[in-house]
């Protein structure tokens, strides 16, 4: 089963597809990105058709967001999306 995160409020939905609407904040389903639990096998995640997704770190609290772009707001500390920096890994062996 896959998990989807609402980039508006951080709600996590379990299912094969994102919901049509977030039950927490009412955001539309297109504001959900696939959520990967930290510690999951990165090789499985990145090399099975998910190459476009990247990691973003909140510079205020360290929250890690996985998606093609940073969230509008950090679900942990409320910082705006411009407070996220993309994480770049030089060597995949270290992951």
C-alpha atoms as a PDB file:
ATOM      1  CA  UNK A   1       0.000   0.000   0.000  1.00  0.00           C
ATOM      2  CA  UNK A   2       1.247   3.483  -0.846  1.00  0.00           C
ATOM      3  CA  UNK A   3       1.084   6.588   1.324  1.00  0.00           C
ATOM      4  CA  UNK A   4       0.309  10.126   0.187  1.00  0.00           C
ATOM      5  CA  UNK A   5       1.057  13.382   2.020  1.00  0.00           C
ATOM      6  CA  UNK A   6      -1.028  16.535   1.718  1.00  0.00           C
ATOM      7  CA  UNK A   7       1.490  19.303   1.019  1.00  0.00           C
ATOM      8  CA  UNK A   8      -0.932  21.813   2.502  1.00  0.00           C
ATOM      9  CA  UNK A   9      -1.320  20.331   6.016  1.00  0.00           C
ATOM     10  CA  UNK A  10       0.856  17.184   6.209  1.00  0.00           C
ATOM     11  CA  UNK A  11      -2.037  14.676   6.471  1.00  0.00           C
ATOM     12  CA  UNK A  12      -0.969  11.149   5.454  1.00  0.00           C
ATOM     13  CA  UNK A  13      -3.396   9.038   3.396  1.00  0.00           C
ATOM     14  CA  UNK A  14      -2.954   5.295   2.804  1.00  0.00           C
ATOM     15  CA  UNK A  15      -4.133   3.898  -0.516  1.00  0.00           C
ATOM     16  CA  UNK A  16      -3.145   3.134  -4.076  1.00  0.00           C
ATOM     17  CA  UNK A  17      -4.169   6.649  -5.154  1.00  0.00           C
ATOM     18  CA  UNK A  18      -4.317   9.993  -3.329  1.00  0.00           C
ATOM     19  CA  UNK A  19      -7.760  10.994  -2.018  1.00  0.00           C
ATOM     20  CA  UNK A  20      -9.953  13.361  -4.037  1.00  0.00           C
ATOM     21  CA  UNK A  21      -9.899  15.788  -1.115  1.00  0.00           C
ATOM     22  CA  UNK A  22      -7.914  16.040   2.123  1.00  0.00           C
ATOM     23  CA  UNK A  23     -10.159  15.151   5.086  1.00  0.00           C
ATOM     24  CA  UNK A  24      -8.127  17.456   7.353  1.00  0.00           C
ATOM     25  CA  UNK A  25      -7.893  20.723   5.410  1.00  0.00           C
ATOM     26  CA  UNK A  26     -10.089  20.221   2.332  1.00  0.00           C
ATOM     27  CA  UNK A  27      -7.220  20.590  -0.188  1.00  0.00           C
ATOM     28  CA  UNK A  28      -7.782  18.940  -3.553  1.00  0.00           C
ATOM     29  CA  UNK A  29      -6.163  15.592  -4.346  1.00  0.00           C
ATOM     30  CA  UNK A  30      -3.636  17.174  -6.696  1.00  0.00           C
ATOM     31  CA  UNK A  31      -1.920  18.662  -3.615  1.00  0.00           C
ATOM     32  CA  UNK A  32      -0.841  15.197  -2.446  1.00  0.00           C
ATOM     33  CA  UNK A  33       2.631  13.787  -3.123  1.00  0.00           C
ATOM     34  CA  UNK A  34       3.736  10.254  -2.510  1.00  0.00           C
ATOM     35  CA  UNK A  35       5.142   9.919   0.999  1.00  0.00           C
ATOM     36  CA  UNK A  36       8.148   7.749   1.767  1.00  0.00           C
ATOM     37  CA  UNK A  37       8.873   6.876   5.361  1.00  0.00           C
ATOM     38  CA  UNK A  38      12.423   7.903   6.301  1.00  0.00           C
ATOM     39  CA  UNK A  39      14.589   4.781   6.392  1.00  0.00           C
ATOM     40  CA  UNK A  40      12.770   3.014   3.564  1.00  0.00           C
ATOM     41  CA  UNK A  41      14.977   1.365   0.975  1.00  0.00           C
ATOM     42  CA  UNK A  42      16.050   4.288  -1.212  1.00  0.00           C
ATOM     43  CA  UNK A  43      17.152   2.016  -4.032  1.00  0.00           C
ATOM     44  CA  UNK A  44      13.624   0.615  -4.301  1.00  0.00           C
ATOM     45  CA  UNK A  45      12.113   4.101  -4.182  1.00  0.00           C
ATOM     46  CA  UNK A  46      14.362   5.959  -6.572  1.00  0.00           C
ATOM     47  CA  UNK A  47      14.966   3.287  -9.157  1.00  0.00           C
ATOM     48  CA  UNK A  48      11.459   1.989  -9.712  1.00  0.00           C
ATOM     49  CA  UNK A  49       9.997   4.842 -11.731  1.00  0.00           C
ATOM     50  CA  UNK A  50      10.158   7.572  -9.074  1.00  0.00           C
ATOM     51  CA  UNK A  51      13.243   9.334 -10.440  1.00  0.00           C
ATOM     52  CA  UNK A  52      11.552  12.760 -10.552  1.00  0.00           C
ATOM     53  CA  UNK A  53      11.067  12.982  -6.792  1.00  0.00           C
ATOM     54  CA  UNK A  54      13.583  14.779  -4.647  1.00  0.00           C
ATOM     55  CA  UNK A  55      14.193  15.452  -0.956  1.00  0.00           C
ATOM     56  CA  UNK A  56      13.762  18.862   0.679  1.00  0.00           C
ATOM     57  CA  UNK A  57      14.877  19.778   4.220  1.00  0.00           C
ATOM     58  CA  UNK A  58      13.298  22.505   6.338  1.00  0.00           C
ATOM     59  CA  UNK A  59      16.157  24.720   7.497  1.00  0.00           C
ATOM     60  CA  UNK A  60      14.186  25.652  10.643  1.00  0.00           C
ATOM     61  CA  UNK A  61      13.415  22.208  12.091  1.00  0.00           C
ATOM     62  CA  UNK A  62      15.070  19.582   9.865  1.00  0.00           C
ATOM     63  CA  UNK A  63      11.819  18.026   8.578  1.00  0.00           C
ATOM     64  CA  UNK A  64      12.425  16.064   5.349  1.00  0.00           C
ATOM     65  CA  UNK A  65       9.834  16.292   2.573  1.00  0.00           C
ATOM     66  CA  UNK A  66       9.932  13.953  -0.445  1.00  0.00           C
ATOM     67  CA  UNK A  67       8.403  15.322  -3.625  1.00  0.00           C
ATOM     68  CA  UNK A  68       9.090  17.031  -6.914  1.00  0.00           C
ATOM     69  CA  UNK A  69       9.025  20.408  -5.116  1.00  0.00           C
ATOM     70  CA  UNK A  70       9.064  21.626  -1.508  1.00  0.00           C
ATOM     71  CA  UNK A  71       5.755  21.853   0.370  1.00  0.00           C
ATOM     72  CA  UNK A  72       3.960  25.185   0.696  1.00  0.00           C
ATOM     73  CA  UNK A  73       4.413  24.992   4.451  1.00  0.00           C
ATOM     74  CA  UNK A  74       6.388  22.759   6.820  1.00  0.00           C
ATOM     75  CA  UNK A  75       3.966  20.412   8.620  1.00  0.00           C
ATOM     76  CA  UNK A  76       6.274  20.318  11.642  1.00  0.00           C
ATOM     77  CA  UNK A  77       7.092  23.970  12.374  1.00  0.00           C
ATOM     78  CA  UNK A  78       4.913  25.977   9.963  1.00  0.00           C
ATOM     79  CA  UNK A  79       7.817  27.569   8.046  1.00  0.00           C
ATOM     80  CA  UNK A  80       7.011  28.667   4.497  1.00  0.00           C
ATOM     81  CA  UNK A  81       8.134  26.597   1.517  1.00  0.00           C
ATOM     82  CA  UNK A  82      10.976  28.990   0.749  1.00  0.00           C
ATOM     83  CA  UNK A  83      12.629  27.767   3.972  1.00  0.00           C
ATOM     84  CA  UNK A  84      13.328  24.352   2.364  1.00  0.00           C
ATOM     85  CA  UNK A  85      16.621  23.425   0.730  1.00  0.00           C
ATOM     86  CA  UNK A  86      17.020  20.520  -1.668  1.00  0.00           C
ATOM     87  CA  UNK A  87      19.180  17.685  -0.358  1.00  0.00           C
ATOM     88  CA  UNK A  88      21.760  16.557  -2.882  1.00  0.00           C
ATOM     89  CA  UNK A  89      23.551  13.248  -2.449  1.00  0.00           C
ATOM     90  CA  UNK A  90      26.938  13.015  -4.082  1.00  0.00           C
ATOM     91  CA  UNK A  91      27.346   9.281  -3.478  1.00  0.00           C
ATOM     92  CA  UNK A  92      24.382   6.906  -3.497  1.00  0.00           C
ATOM     93  CA  UNK A  93      26.405   4.327  -1.558  1.00  0.00           C
ATOM     94  CA  UNK A  94      26.118   6.479   1.575  1.00  0.00           C
ATOM     95  CA  UNK A  95      22.325   6.389   1.636  1.00  0.00           C
END
